[in-house]
N, C-alpha and C. Protein backbone atom coordinates (compact mmCIF):
# COMPACT_ATOMS: atom_id res chain seq x y z
N MET A 1 16.09 12.10 -15.96
CA MET A 1 15.82 10.68 -15.81
C MET A 1 14.58 10.49 -14.93
N LYS A 2 13.87 9.44 -15.20
CA LYS A 2 12.68 9.18 -14.40
C LYS A 2 13.01 8.34 -13.16
N MET A 3 12.16 8.45 -12.19
CA MET A 3 12.34 7.69 -10.95
C MET A 3 11.88 6.26 -11.17
N ASN A 4 12.58 5.34 -10.60
CA ASN A 4 12.22 3.93 -10.68
C ASN A 4 11.42 3.57 -9.43
N TRP A 5 10.17 4.01 -9.40
CA TRP A 5 9.33 3.87 -8.21
C TRP A 5 9.05 2.41 -7.85
N GLY A 6 8.91 1.56 -8.84
CA GLY A 6 8.63 0.16 -8.56
C GLY A 6 9.74 -0.49 -7.73
N ARG A 7 10.97 -0.28 -8.14
CA ARG A 7 12.10 -0.85 -7.41
C ARG A 7 12.26 -0.19 -6.04
N VAL A 8 12.02 1.10 -5.97
CA VAL A 8 12.15 1.81 -4.69
C VAL A 8 11.14 1.26 -3.68
N VAL A 9 9.89 1.16 -4.08
CA VAL A 9 8.85 0.66 -3.18
C VAL A 9 9.12 -0.80 -2.79
N ASN A 10 9.46 -1.62 -3.77
CA ASN A 10 9.75 -3.03 -3.46
C ASN A 10 10.93 -3.17 -2.51
N ALA A 11 12.00 -2.43 -2.77
CA ALA A 11 13.19 -2.52 -1.91
C ALA A 11 12.87 -2.05 -0.49
N GLY A 12 12.15 -0.95 -0.35
CA GLY A 12 11.80 -0.44 0.97
C GLY A 12 10.92 -1.40 1.75
N LEU A 13 9.92 -1.96 1.08
CA LEU A 13 9.01 -2.89 1.76
C LEU A 13 9.70 -4.19 2.13
N VAL A 14 10.46 -4.76 1.20
CA VAL A 14 11.15 -6.02 1.49
C VAL A 14 12.17 -5.82 2.60
N ALA A 15 12.93 -4.73 2.56
CA ALA A 15 13.92 -4.47 3.60
C ALA A 15 13.25 -4.31 4.96
N GLU A 16 12.14 -3.60 5.02
CA GLU A 16 11.45 -3.40 6.30
C GLU A 16 10.85 -4.70 6.81
N ILE A 17 10.28 -5.49 5.94
CA ILE A 17 9.70 -6.77 6.37
C ILE A 17 10.79 -7.71 6.87
N LEU A 18 11.92 -7.77 6.18
CA LEU A 18 13.04 -8.59 6.65
C LEU A 18 13.56 -8.08 7.99
N LEU A 19 13.60 -6.78 8.14
CA LEU A 19 14.04 -6.20 9.41
C LEU A 19 13.09 -6.59 10.54
N LEU A 20 11.80 -6.57 10.28
CA LEU A 20 10.83 -6.98 11.30
C LEU A 20 11.01 -8.45 11.68
N LEU A 21 11.29 -9.29 10.69
CA LEU A 21 11.55 -10.70 10.98
C LEU A 21 12.80 -10.88 11.83
N VAL A 22 13.86 -10.17 11.49
CA VAL A 22 15.09 -10.24 12.28
C VAL A 22 14.83 -9.74 13.69
N TYR A 23 14.06 -8.67 13.82
CA TYR A 23 13.74 -8.15 15.15
C TYR A 23 12.98 -9.20 15.98
N GLN A 24 11.98 -9.82 15.37
CA GLN A 24 11.21 -10.83 16.10
C GLN A 24 12.10 -11.99 16.56
N LEU A 25 12.98 -12.45 15.67
CA LEU A 25 13.89 -13.53 16.04
C LEU A 25 14.86 -13.09 17.13
N THR A 26 15.34 -11.87 17.04
CA THR A 26 16.26 -11.35 18.05
C THR A 26 15.59 -11.24 19.41
N VAL A 27 14.38 -10.73 19.44
CA VAL A 27 13.66 -10.60 20.70
C VAL A 27 13.38 -11.98 21.29
N GLN A 28 13.06 -12.95 20.45
CA GLN A 28 12.83 -14.31 20.95
C GLN A 28 14.09 -14.89 21.59
N GLN A 29 15.25 -14.61 20.98
CA GLN A 29 16.50 -15.16 21.48
C GLN A 29 17.08 -14.36 22.65
N LEU A 30 17.06 -13.04 22.54
CA LEU A 30 17.74 -12.19 23.52
C LEU A 30 16.80 -11.46 24.47
N GLY A 31 15.51 -11.41 24.13
CA GLY A 31 14.58 -10.62 24.91
C GLY A 31 14.69 -9.16 24.53
N ARG A 32 13.80 -8.35 25.06
CA ARG A 32 13.85 -6.91 24.78
C ARG A 32 14.94 -6.30 25.65
N GLY A 33 15.78 -5.53 25.03
CA GLY A 33 16.86 -4.90 25.79
C GLY A 33 17.87 -4.28 24.87
N THR A 34 19.01 -3.96 25.43
CA THR A 34 20.04 -3.25 24.69
C THR A 34 20.55 -4.05 23.50
N ALA A 35 20.78 -5.35 23.68
CA ALA A 35 21.32 -6.17 22.60
C ALA A 35 20.37 -6.23 21.41
N SER A 36 19.09 -6.44 21.67
CA SER A 36 18.13 -6.51 20.56
C SER A 36 17.97 -5.13 19.91
N ASN A 37 18.05 -4.07 20.70
CA ASN A 37 17.97 -2.72 20.12
C ASN A 37 19.15 -2.43 19.21
N LEU A 38 20.34 -2.86 19.61
CA LEU A 38 21.53 -2.66 18.77
C LEU A 38 21.42 -3.45 17.47
N VAL A 39 20.91 -4.66 17.57
CA VAL A 39 20.72 -5.48 16.36
C VAL A 39 19.77 -4.77 15.40
N VAL A 40 18.72 -4.19 15.93
CA VAL A 40 17.74 -3.50 15.10
C VAL A 40 18.34 -2.23 14.48
N ILE A 41 19.09 -1.47 15.24
CA ILE A 41 19.68 -0.24 14.70
C ILE A 41 20.66 -0.56 13.58
N VAL A 42 21.52 -1.54 13.80
CA VAL A 42 22.46 -1.94 12.75
C VAL A 42 21.71 -2.54 11.58
N GLY A 43 20.69 -3.34 11.87
CA GLY A 43 19.88 -3.94 10.81
C GLY A 43 19.17 -2.91 9.96
N CYS A 44 18.67 -1.85 10.59
CA CYS A 44 18.02 -0.77 9.85
C CYS A 44 18.97 -0.21 8.80
N PHE A 45 20.18 0.07 9.22
CA PHE A 45 21.17 0.65 8.30
C PHE A 45 21.53 -0.34 7.20
N VAL A 46 21.83 -1.57 7.58
CA VAL A 46 22.32 -2.56 6.61
C VAL A 46 21.24 -2.96 5.61
N PHE A 47 20.03 -3.20 6.05
CA PHE A 47 18.97 -3.62 5.13
C PHE A 47 18.63 -2.51 4.12
N MET A 48 18.61 -1.27 4.58
CA MET A 48 18.33 -0.18 3.64
C MET A 48 19.50 0.04 2.68
N LEU A 49 20.72 -0.15 3.17
CA LEU A 49 21.89 -0.04 2.31
C LEU A 49 21.82 -1.08 1.20
N VAL A 50 21.52 -2.31 1.56
CA VAL A 50 21.41 -3.38 0.56
C VAL A 50 20.25 -3.10 -0.40
N GLY A 51 19.13 -2.62 0.13
CA GLY A 51 18.00 -2.27 -0.73
C GLY A 51 18.35 -1.17 -1.73
N ALA A 52 19.07 -0.17 -1.27
CA ALA A 52 19.48 0.92 -2.16
C ALA A 52 20.48 0.44 -3.20
N LEU A 53 21.37 -0.46 -2.82
CA LEU A 53 22.30 -1.04 -3.80
C LEU A 53 21.53 -1.82 -4.87
N TRP A 54 20.49 -2.53 -4.46
CA TRP A 54 19.69 -3.28 -5.42
C TRP A 54 18.96 -2.34 -6.38
N VAL A 55 18.41 -1.27 -5.85
CA VAL A 55 17.74 -0.28 -6.70
C VAL A 55 18.74 0.36 -7.66
N GLY A 56 19.95 0.61 -7.17
CA GLY A 56 20.97 1.27 -7.97
C GLY A 56 21.49 0.47 -9.14
N ARG A 57 21.20 -0.81 -9.18
CA ARG A 57 21.68 -1.64 -10.30
C ARG A 57 21.09 -1.22 -11.63
N ASP A 58 19.85 -0.80 -11.65
CA ASP A 58 19.14 -0.54 -12.91
C ASP A 58 18.82 0.93 -13.16
N ILE A 59 19.49 1.83 -12.48
CA ILE A 59 19.23 3.25 -12.73
C ILE A 59 20.51 3.90 -13.24
N GLU A 60 20.35 5.08 -13.82
CA GLU A 60 21.50 5.77 -14.41
C GLU A 60 21.88 7.05 -13.66
N SER A 61 20.97 7.59 -12.86
CA SER A 61 21.28 8.84 -12.16
C SER A 61 20.44 8.93 -10.89
N ARG A 62 20.70 9.94 -10.09
CA ARG A 62 20.00 10.22 -8.84
C ARG A 62 20.03 9.04 -7.88
N PHE A 63 21.21 8.48 -7.71
CA PHE A 63 21.38 7.30 -6.87
C PHE A 63 21.06 7.60 -5.41
N VAL A 64 21.56 8.72 -4.91
CA VAL A 64 21.33 9.06 -3.50
C VAL A 64 19.85 9.31 -3.24
N LEU A 65 19.17 9.97 -4.16
CA LEU A 65 17.73 10.20 -4.01
C LEU A 65 16.97 8.89 -3.99
N HIS A 66 17.31 7.99 -4.89
CA HIS A 66 16.66 6.67 -4.90
C HIS A 66 16.89 5.95 -3.57
N GLY A 67 18.13 5.99 -3.07
CA GLY A 67 18.43 5.34 -1.79
C GLY A 67 17.67 5.97 -0.65
N PHE A 68 17.62 7.29 -0.62
CA PHE A 68 16.86 7.98 0.42
C PHE A 68 15.40 7.56 0.38
N LEU A 69 14.84 7.45 -0.81
CA LEU A 69 13.43 7.07 -0.94
C LEU A 69 13.19 5.63 -0.50
N VAL A 70 14.18 4.75 -0.65
CA VAL A 70 14.05 3.39 -0.11
C VAL A 70 13.85 3.48 1.41
N GLY A 71 14.65 4.30 2.07
CA GLY A 71 14.48 4.50 3.51
C GLY A 71 13.15 5.13 3.86
N VAL A 72 12.69 6.08 3.06
CA VAL A 72 11.40 6.73 3.31
C VAL A 72 10.26 5.73 3.21
N VAL A 73 10.30 4.87 2.20
CA VAL A 73 9.25 3.84 2.05
C VAL A 73 9.23 2.94 3.27
N ALA A 74 10.40 2.54 3.77
CA ALA A 74 10.46 1.69 4.96
C ALA A 74 9.89 2.42 6.18
N VAL A 75 10.21 3.69 6.32
CA VAL A 75 9.69 4.47 7.45
C VAL A 75 8.17 4.59 7.36
N VAL A 76 7.66 4.89 6.18
CA VAL A 76 6.20 5.03 6.01
C VAL A 76 5.49 3.72 6.31
N TYR A 77 6.05 2.61 5.82
CA TYR A 77 5.44 1.30 6.11
C TYR A 77 5.43 1.03 7.61
N TYR A 78 6.54 1.32 8.30
CA TYR A 78 6.62 1.08 9.73
C TYR A 78 5.60 1.94 10.48
N VAL A 79 5.50 3.21 10.10
CA VAL A 79 4.57 4.12 10.78
C VAL A 79 3.12 3.64 10.58
N ILE A 80 2.78 3.28 9.35
CA ILE A 80 1.42 2.80 9.09
C ILE A 80 1.13 1.54 9.89
N ARG A 81 2.11 0.64 9.98
CA ARG A 81 1.92 -0.62 10.67
C ARG A 81 1.84 -0.44 12.18
N SER A 82 2.59 0.49 12.74
CA SER A 82 2.67 0.60 14.20
C SER A 82 1.83 1.73 14.79
N LEU A 83 1.30 2.61 13.99
CA LEU A 83 0.56 3.74 14.53
C LEU A 83 -0.68 3.34 15.33
N PRO A 84 -1.45 2.34 14.92
CA PRO A 84 -2.60 1.95 15.77
C PRO A 84 -2.18 1.53 17.17
N ASP A 85 -1.06 0.81 17.29
CA ASP A 85 -0.58 0.42 18.62
C ASP A 85 -0.13 1.63 19.43
N ALA A 86 0.52 2.57 18.76
CA ALA A 86 0.98 3.78 19.45
C ALA A 86 -0.20 4.61 19.93
N ILE A 87 -1.24 4.71 19.11
CA ILE A 87 -2.41 5.51 19.49
C ILE A 87 -3.16 4.86 20.65
N SER A 88 -3.26 3.54 20.63
CA SER A 88 -4.00 2.85 21.68
C SER A 88 -3.18 2.66 22.96
N GLY A 89 -1.89 3.02 22.92
CA GLY A 89 -1.06 2.90 24.12
C GLY A 89 -0.45 1.53 24.30
N GLN A 90 -0.52 0.67 23.31
CA GLN A 90 0.02 -0.68 23.42
C GLN A 90 1.43 -0.80 22.87
N TYR A 91 1.99 0.28 22.40
CA TYR A 91 3.34 0.25 21.85
C TYR A 91 4.32 0.00 22.99
N PRO A 92 5.29 -0.92 22.84
CA PRO A 92 6.10 -1.34 23.99
C PRO A 92 7.10 -0.31 24.51
N MET A 93 7.37 0.76 23.77
CA MET A 93 8.32 1.77 24.25
C MET A 93 7.85 3.15 23.81
N ASN A 94 8.59 4.14 24.16
CA ASN A 94 8.28 5.50 23.74
C ASN A 94 8.32 5.56 22.21
N TYR A 95 7.21 5.85 21.59
CA TYR A 95 7.09 5.81 20.13
C TYR A 95 8.06 6.77 19.45
N TRP A 96 8.21 7.96 19.99
CA TRP A 96 9.06 8.96 19.34
C TRP A 96 10.53 8.63 19.52
N GLN A 97 10.88 8.04 20.63
CA GLN A 97 12.25 7.59 20.83
C GLN A 97 12.58 6.46 19.87
N ALA A 98 11.65 5.54 19.70
CA ALA A 98 11.85 4.44 18.75
C ALA A 98 11.96 4.98 17.33
N ALA A 99 11.19 6.01 17.02
CA ALA A 99 11.26 6.60 15.68
C ALA A 99 12.63 7.23 15.43
N LEU A 100 13.14 7.94 16.41
CA LEU A 100 14.45 8.59 16.25
C LEU A 100 15.55 7.55 16.07
N TRP A 101 15.57 6.54 16.92
CA TRP A 101 16.64 5.54 16.87
C TRP A 101 16.46 4.54 15.74
N GLY A 102 15.25 4.34 15.29
CA GLY A 102 15.01 3.35 14.24
C GLY A 102 14.96 3.93 12.84
N HIS A 103 14.42 5.13 12.69
CA HIS A 103 14.24 5.66 11.34
C HIS A 103 15.47 6.39 10.81
N THR A 104 16.23 6.99 11.68
CA THR A 104 17.43 7.69 11.22
C THR A 104 18.41 6.74 10.53
N PRO A 105 18.71 5.56 11.10
CA PRO A 105 19.60 4.64 10.38
C PRO A 105 19.01 4.13 9.06
N LYS A 106 17.69 4.05 8.98
CA LYS A 106 17.07 3.63 7.71
C LYS A 106 17.36 4.66 6.62
N LEU A 107 17.15 5.92 6.94
CA LEU A 107 17.39 6.96 5.95
C LEU A 107 18.88 7.06 5.61
N LEU A 108 19.73 6.98 6.62
CA LEU A 108 21.17 7.04 6.36
C LEU A 108 21.66 5.83 5.57
N GLY A 109 21.14 4.66 5.88
CA GLY A 109 21.51 3.46 5.13
C GLY A 109 21.12 3.56 3.68
N GLY A 110 19.93 4.09 3.41
CA GLY A 110 19.51 4.29 2.03
C GLY A 110 20.38 5.29 1.31
N ILE A 111 20.74 6.38 1.97
CA ILE A 111 21.59 7.39 1.36
C ILE A 111 22.98 6.82 1.05
N VAL A 112 23.57 6.14 2.02
CA VAL A 112 24.90 5.56 1.82
C VAL A 112 24.85 4.49 0.73
N GLY A 113 23.80 3.66 0.72
CA GLY A 113 23.65 2.65 -0.32
C GLY A 113 23.53 3.28 -1.70
N GLY A 114 22.77 4.35 -1.80
CA GLY A 114 22.65 5.05 -3.08
C GLY A 114 23.98 5.65 -3.52
N TYR A 115 24.71 6.21 -2.57
CA TYR A 115 26.02 6.79 -2.89
C TYR A 115 26.97 5.71 -3.39
N ILE A 116 27.01 4.58 -2.69
CA ILE A 116 27.90 3.47 -3.10
C ILE A 116 27.47 2.94 -4.46
N ALA A 117 26.16 2.81 -4.68
CA ALA A 117 25.67 2.33 -5.99
C ALA A 117 26.11 3.27 -7.11
N GLY A 118 26.06 4.57 -6.85
CA GLY A 118 26.51 5.53 -7.85
C GLY A 118 27.99 5.41 -8.14
N LYS A 119 28.79 5.24 -7.09
CA LYS A 119 30.23 5.06 -7.27
C LYS A 119 30.53 3.76 -8.03
N LEU A 120 29.83 2.70 -7.71
CA LEU A 120 30.05 1.44 -8.41
C LEU A 120 29.65 1.55 -9.89
N LYS A 121 28.58 2.28 -10.16
CA LYS A 121 28.11 2.45 -11.53
C LYS A 121 29.12 3.25 -12.36
N THR A 122 29.66 4.33 -11.78
CA THR A 122 30.64 5.13 -12.52
C THR A 122 31.95 4.38 -12.68
N LYS A 123 32.31 3.54 -11.72
CA LYS A 123 33.52 2.74 -11.82
C LYS A 123 33.38 1.69 -12.92
N ALA A 124 32.16 1.12 -13.06
CA ALA A 124 31.92 0.09 -14.08
C ALA A 124 31.93 0.67 -15.48
N ASP A 125 31.55 1.94 -15.62
CA ASP A 125 31.50 2.57 -16.95
C ASP A 125 32.83 2.99 -17.44
């Protein structure tokens, strides 16, 4: 089966952009701190899970791979967007710590979403 790259890229980008919007709103309401970080970590997982479920609607196989790639697209977009700030020293926290805590849930959310999409697809058939 072929990869559905269009849906993967769209899901990863939309999920990451929505996550950035939620983060901005959370920081405005709660400020930078533990609460906003927890919202972002949970949001990373949930948005990628939903994105992978959306991708899984129109594919027939390799659900987990598609979900993983949704998370990868989100990670790549985030790195491209934030790397200039990290290089110039304007990034608000330790860049590698943020990558560990922020990107791992994205990849796991995509994988779990792909797995659930595969189970739902086989149940429907």
